[in-house]
Amino acid sequence: MSKTVLFVCVENSFRSQIAEAYFNKYAPEGWIAVSAGIKPAERVHPNAVRLMLEEGIDINHKNPE
């Protein structure tokens, strides 16, 4: 059985996307993270995408929910 962690912020375009990406990269087996926003933005902030690419994590395909 997997365990899920939820990261929530207002627009789900920066901090929660980054938190989800880091968690999913380093989480123990059986754990997964998802992120959400109470007023989701139209897209993930370009600076978040750039920052995560520098870390070797591609979140370009993500959509705020």
N, C-alpha and C. Protein backbone atom coordinates (compact mmCIF):
# COMPACT_ATOMS: atom_id res chain seq x y z
N MET A 1 0.83 -1.17 0.00
CA MET A 1 0.00 0.00 0.00
C MET A 1 0.89 1.25 0.00
N SER A 2 0.60 2.18 -0.89
CA SER A 2 1.41 3.40 -0.93
C SER A 2 0.82 4.46 0.00
N LYS A 3 1.68 5.36 0.39
CA LYS A 3 1.27 6.47 1.25
C LYS A 3 1.43 7.75 0.45
N THR A 4 0.49 8.68 0.62
CA THR A 4 0.48 9.91 -0.16
C THR A 4 0.64 11.11 0.74
N VAL A 5 1.47 12.06 0.28
CA VAL A 5 1.67 13.34 0.95
C VAL A 5 1.09 14.41 0.03
N LEU A 6 0.35 15.35 0.59
CA LEU A 6 -0.26 16.43 -0.18
C LEU A 6 0.39 17.75 0.19
N PHE A 7 0.92 18.46 -0.80
CA PHE A 7 1.46 19.80 -0.61
C PHE A 7 0.46 20.78 -1.22
N VAL A 8 0.02 21.75 -0.42
CA VAL A 8 -1.01 22.69 -0.87
C VAL A 8 -0.51 24.13 -0.68
N CYS A 9 -0.75 24.95 -1.68
CA CYS A 9 -0.53 26.39 -1.56
C CYS A 9 -1.64 27.08 -2.36
N VAL A 10 -1.57 28.37 -2.51
CA VAL A 10 -2.67 29.09 -3.16
C VAL A 10 -2.75 28.76 -4.65
N GLU A 11 -1.68 29.04 -5.40
CA GLU A 11 -1.74 28.88 -6.85
C GLU A 11 -1.16 27.58 -7.38
N ASN A 12 -0.46 26.85 -6.55
CA ASN A 12 0.17 25.60 -6.96
C ASN A 12 1.05 25.79 -8.20
N SER A 13 1.77 26.90 -8.22
CA SER A 13 2.62 27.17 -9.38
C SER A 13 4.10 27.23 -9.04
N PHE A 14 4.44 27.23 -7.77
CA PHE A 14 5.86 27.35 -7.42
C PHE A 14 6.21 26.44 -6.24
N ARG A 15 5.97 26.90 -5.02
CA ARG A 15 6.45 26.17 -3.84
C ARG A 15 5.95 24.74 -3.74
N SER A 16 4.65 24.55 -3.91
CA SER A 16 4.12 23.20 -3.77
C SER A 16 4.58 22.29 -4.91
N GLN A 17 4.78 22.85 -6.10
CA GLN A 17 5.31 22.06 -7.21
C GLN A 17 6.73 21.59 -6.91
N ILE A 18 7.53 22.50 -6.36
CA ILE A 18 8.91 22.16 -5.99
C ILE A 18 8.93 21.13 -4.87
N ALA A 19 8.09 21.32 -3.87
CA ALA A 19 8.02 20.37 -2.76
C ALA A 19 7.64 18.98 -3.26
N GLU A 20 6.65 18.93 -4.14
CA GLU A 20 6.23 17.64 -4.70
C GLU A 20 7.37 16.98 -5.46
N ALA A 21 8.06 17.76 -6.28
CA ALA A 21 9.14 17.21 -7.09
C ALA A 21 10.29 16.67 -6.23
N TYR A 22 10.71 17.45 -5.24
CA TYR A 22 11.78 16.98 -4.35
C TYR A 22 11.33 15.74 -3.58
N PHE A 23 10.13 15.78 -3.05
CA PHE A 23 9.66 14.63 -2.27
C PHE A 23 9.66 13.38 -3.14
N ASN A 24 9.11 13.48 -4.34
CA ASN A 24 9.02 12.30 -5.19
C ASN A 24 10.40 11.80 -5.63
N LYS A 25 11.37 12.70 -5.72
CA LYS A 25 12.71 12.27 -6.08
C LYS A 25 13.38 11.51 -4.94
N TYR A 26 13.16 11.96 -3.72
CA TYR A 26 13.89 11.41 -2.57
C TYR A 26 13.04 10.55 -1.63
N ALA A 27 11.78 10.36 -1.93
CA ALA A 27 10.89 9.62 -1.03
C ALA A 27 11.26 8.15 -0.95
N PRO A 28 11.01 7.56 0.20
CA PRO A 28 11.21 6.12 0.31
C PRO A 28 10.21 5.38 -0.57
N GLU A 29 10.53 4.16 -0.88
CA GLU A 29 9.64 3.33 -1.70
C GLU A 29 8.26 3.26 -1.05
N GLY A 30 7.23 3.38 -1.86
CA GLY A 30 5.87 3.30 -1.36
C GLY A 30 5.25 4.64 -1.00
N TRP A 31 6.02 5.70 -1.12
CA TRP A 31 5.52 7.04 -0.82
C TRP A 31 5.44 7.85 -2.11
N ILE A 32 4.43 8.71 -2.21
CA ILE A 32 4.28 9.59 -3.35
C ILE A 32 3.69 10.92 -2.87
N ALA A 33 4.05 11.99 -3.55
CA ALA A 33 3.51 13.31 -3.23
C ALA A 33 2.72 13.84 -4.40
N VAL A 34 1.71 14.61 -4.09
CA VAL A 34 0.94 15.36 -5.08
C VAL A 34 0.81 16.78 -4.55
N SER A 35 0.56 17.72 -5.44
CA SER A 35 0.38 19.09 -5.01
C SER A 35 -0.93 19.65 -5.55
N ALA A 36 -1.43 20.66 -4.87
CA ALA A 36 -2.70 21.26 -5.26
C ALA A 36 -2.72 22.71 -4.81
N GLY A 37 -3.66 23.47 -5.37
CA GLY A 37 -3.82 24.85 -4.99
C GLY A 37 -5.29 25.19 -4.82
N ILE A 38 -5.57 26.17 -3.95
CA ILE A 38 -6.97 26.55 -3.75
C ILE A 38 -7.46 27.47 -4.86
N LYS A 39 -6.55 28.14 -5.54
CA LYS A 39 -6.86 28.96 -6.72
C LYS A 39 -5.76 28.70 -7.74
N PRO A 40 -5.77 27.54 -8.39
CA PRO A 40 -4.66 27.13 -9.26
C PRO A 40 -4.36 28.14 -10.38
N ALA A 41 -3.08 28.35 -10.60
CA ALA A 41 -2.61 29.19 -11.69
C ALA A 41 -2.80 28.45 -13.01
N GLU A 42 -2.57 29.15 -14.10
CA GLU A 42 -2.72 28.53 -15.41
C GLU A 42 -1.54 27.64 -15.77
N ARG A 43 -0.35 27.94 -15.18
CA ARG A 43 0.83 27.13 -15.48
C ARG A 43 1.81 27.22 -14.32
N VAL A 44 2.74 26.30 -14.32
CA VAL A 44 3.81 26.34 -13.33
C VAL A 44 4.72 27.51 -13.66
N HIS A 45 5.14 28.23 -12.65
CA HIS A 45 5.98 29.41 -12.85
C HIS A 45 7.28 29.01 -13.54
N PRO A 46 7.69 29.77 -14.57
CA PRO A 46 8.92 29.43 -15.30
C PRO A 46 10.17 29.35 -14.42
N ASN A 47 10.23 30.17 -13.37
CA ASN A 47 11.39 30.10 -12.48
C ASN A 47 11.42 28.80 -11.69
N ALA A 48 10.26 28.26 -11.37
CA ALA A 48 10.21 26.96 -10.69
C ALA A 48 10.71 25.86 -11.63
N VAL A 49 10.28 25.93 -12.88
CA VAL A 49 10.73 24.95 -13.88
C VAL A 49 12.24 25.04 -14.04
N ARG A 50 12.77 26.25 -14.16
CA ARG A 50 14.21 26.45 -14.34
C ARG A 50 14.99 25.96 -13.13
N LEU A 51 14.51 26.30 -11.93
CA LEU A 51 15.19 25.87 -10.71
C LEU A 51 15.26 24.35 -10.63
N MET A 52 14.16 23.69 -10.92
CA MET A 52 14.15 22.24 -10.82
C MET A 52 14.99 21.59 -11.91
N LEU A 53 15.04 22.19 -13.10
CA LEU A 53 15.92 21.65 -14.14
C LEU A 53 17.38 21.69 -13.69
N GLU A 54 17.76 22.75 -12.95
CA GLU A 54 19.12 22.83 -12.40
C GLU A 54 19.39 21.69 -11.43
N GLU A 55 18.34 21.16 -10.82
CA GLU A 55 18.45 20.04 -9.88
C GLU A 55 18.29 18.69 -10.59
N GLY A 56 18.08 18.73 -11.91
CA GLY A 56 17.91 17.50 -12.67
C GLY A 56 16.50 16.93 -12.61
N ILE A 57 15.54 17.77 -12.28
CA ILE A 57 14.14 17.34 -12.17
C ILE A 57 13.32 18.17 -13.15
N ASP A 58 12.62 17.51 -14.06
CA ASP A 58 11.82 18.22 -15.06
C ASP A 58 10.36 18.28 -14.61
N ILE A 59 9.88 19.49 -14.30
CA ILE A 59 8.47 19.67 -13.95
C ILE A 59 7.73 20.47 -15.03
N ASN A 60 8.34 20.59 -16.17
CA ASN A 60 7.75 21.36 -17.28
C ASN A 60 6.39 20.81 -17.68
N HIS A 61 6.17 19.54 -17.53
CA HIS A 61 4.91 18.90 -17.93
C HIS A 61 3.80 19.05 -16.91
N LYS A 62 4.11 19.56 -15.72
CA LYS A 62 3.14 19.67 -14.64
C LYS A 62 2.12 20.78 -14.90
N ASN A 63 0.91 20.58 -14.44
CA ASN A 63 -0.15 21.58 -14.51
C ASN A 63 -0.68 21.82 -13.11
N PRO A 64 -0.80 23.09 -12.70
CA PRO A 64 -1.38 23.37 -11.38
C PRO A 64 -2.82 22.83 -11.31
N GLU A 65 -3.15 22.23 -10.21
CA GLU A 65 -4.50 21.69 -10.00
C GLU A 65 -5.07 22.21 -8.72
